[in-house]
């Protein structure tokens, strides 16, 4: 479906009211297939964009334990792994916090 939307010139990076882009949503839901397709179909996709809570798609994937999505985003964006949320937490913090629950 992402390919179809791209074929009709849909904006695949447009955030919703909470600042979450389709990449944020795909990463949050563990949809690696959608993460990959978004990168393939959109030259305007920005993995470093933060949502209203200060999370990039990469950090959101880390926070929620979506390792396959985190790996996919990291492999396609050189800046993804350097991101920190509003409290200064980076990917390593979120993986450690996730493992402690």
Protein backbone atom coordinates (compact mmCIF):
# COMPACT_ATOMS: atom_id res chain seq x y z
CA UNK A 1 0.00 0.00 0.00
CA UNK A 2 2.88 2.38 0.72
CA UNK A 3 4.12 1.89 -2.84
CA UNK A 4 0.65 2.71 -4.19
CA UNK A 5 0.51 5.90 -2.11
CA UNK A 6 3.98 6.86 -3.32
CA UNK A 7 2.93 6.25 -6.92
CA UNK A 8 0.16 8.81 -6.37
CA UNK A 9 2.64 11.30 -4.87
CA UNK A 10 1.36 11.01 -1.31
CA UNK A 11 3.55 12.68 1.32
CA UNK A 12 4.90 9.70 3.26
CA UNK A 13 6.62 11.79 5.92
CA UNK A 14 3.69 13.97 7.01
CA UNK A 15 3.33 13.87 10.82
CA UNK A 16 0.04 13.58 12.68
CA UNK A 17 -1.09 15.94 15.48
CA UNK A 18 1.30 14.31 17.95
CA UNK A 19 4.24 14.79 15.60
CA UNK A 20 4.44 11.10 14.73
CA UNK A 21 5.30 10.33 11.13
CA UNK A 22 4.35 7.11 9.36
CA UNK A 23 7.91 5.97 10.15
CA UNK A 24 7.27 6.54 13.87
CA UNK A 25 4.09 4.47 13.64
CA UNK A 26 5.68 1.62 11.67
CA UNK A 27 8.62 1.50 14.11
CA UNK A 28 6.28 1.58 17.13
CA UNK A 29 4.24 -1.33 15.81
CA UNK A 30 7.24 -3.43 14.86
CA UNK A 31 6.38 -3.30 11.15
CA UNK A 32 9.85 -3.72 9.66
CA UNK A 33 8.27 -4.32 6.24
CA UNK A 34 6.66 -0.88 6.38
CA UNK A 35 9.84 0.76 7.68
CA UNK A 36 11.75 -0.69 4.73
CA UNK A 37 9.10 0.29 2.20
CA UNK A 38 8.88 3.84 3.56
CA UNK A 39 12.63 4.28 3.08
CA UNK A 40 12.48 2.78 -0.41
CA UNK A 41 9.52 4.90 -1.54
CA UNK A 42 10.27 8.28 0.02
CA UNK A 43 13.31 10.46 -0.57
CA UNK A 44 11.87 13.00 1.90
CA UNK A 45 11.82 10.60 4.85
CA UNK A 46 13.76 11.96 7.83
CA UNK A 47 14.63 9.41 10.49
CA UNK A 48 15.88 12.17 12.81
CA UNK A 49 12.48 13.90 13.15
CA UNK A 50 11.11 13.82 16.70
CA UNK A 51 7.51 13.38 17.78
CA UNK A 52 5.80 15.53 20.45
CA UNK A 53 7.44 13.45 23.20
CA UNK A 54 10.92 13.94 21.73
CA UNK A 55 11.32 10.47 20.25
CA UNK A 56 12.77 9.72 16.84
CA UNK A 57 11.42 6.59 15.11
CA UNK A 58 14.65 4.80 16.08
CA UNK A 59 14.29 5.71 19.77
CA UNK A 60 10.61 4.72 19.76
CA UNK A 61 11.53 1.32 18.32
CA UNK A 62 14.19 0.92 21.03
CA UNK A 63 11.80 2.01 23.78
CA UNK A 64 9.22 -0.56 22.69
CA UNK A 65 11.71 -3.37 22.05
CA UNK A 66 11.19 -3.45 18.27
CA UNK A 67 14.74 -4.57 17.51
CA UNK A 68 14.21 -5.45 13.83
CA UNK A 69 12.80 -1.97 13.16
CA UNK A 70 15.60 -0.31 15.14
CA UNK A 71 18.18 -2.21 13.09
CA UNK A 72 16.48 -1.30 9.82
CA UNK A 73 16.34 2.41 10.68
CA UNK A 74 19.95 2.41 11.90
CA UNK A 75 21.11 0.78 8.68
CA UNK A 76 19.44 3.49 6.59
CA UNK A 77 20.20 6.62 8.63
CA UNK A 78 23.68 7.54 9.83
CA UNK A 79 22.28 9.89 12.49
CA UNK A 80 19.62 7.60 13.97
CA UNK A 81 21.87 6.01 16.57
CA UNK A 82 22.99 9.39 17.97
CA UNK A 83 19.49 10.50 18.98
CA UNK A 84 18.44 11.25 22.55
CA UNK A 85 14.96 11.91 23.88
CA UNK A 86 13.95 15.01 25.88
CA UNK A 87 15.38 13.46 29.09
CA UNK A 88 18.73 12.63 27.49
CA UNK A 89 18.07 8.91 27.10
CA UNK A 90 19.63 7.25 24.06
CA UNK A 91 19.07 3.80 22.54
CA UNK A 92 21.27 2.04 25.09
CA UNK A 93 19.29 3.59 27.95
CA UNK A 94 16.00 2.43 26.45
CA UNK A 95 17.19 -1.12 25.83
CA UNK A 96 18.46 -1.34 29.42
CA UNK A 97 15.20 0.08 30.78
CA UNK A 98 13.22 -2.33 28.63
CA UNK A 99 15.22 -5.34 29.88
CA UNK A 100 14.66 -4.34 33.54
CA UNK A 101 10.86 -4.57 33.33
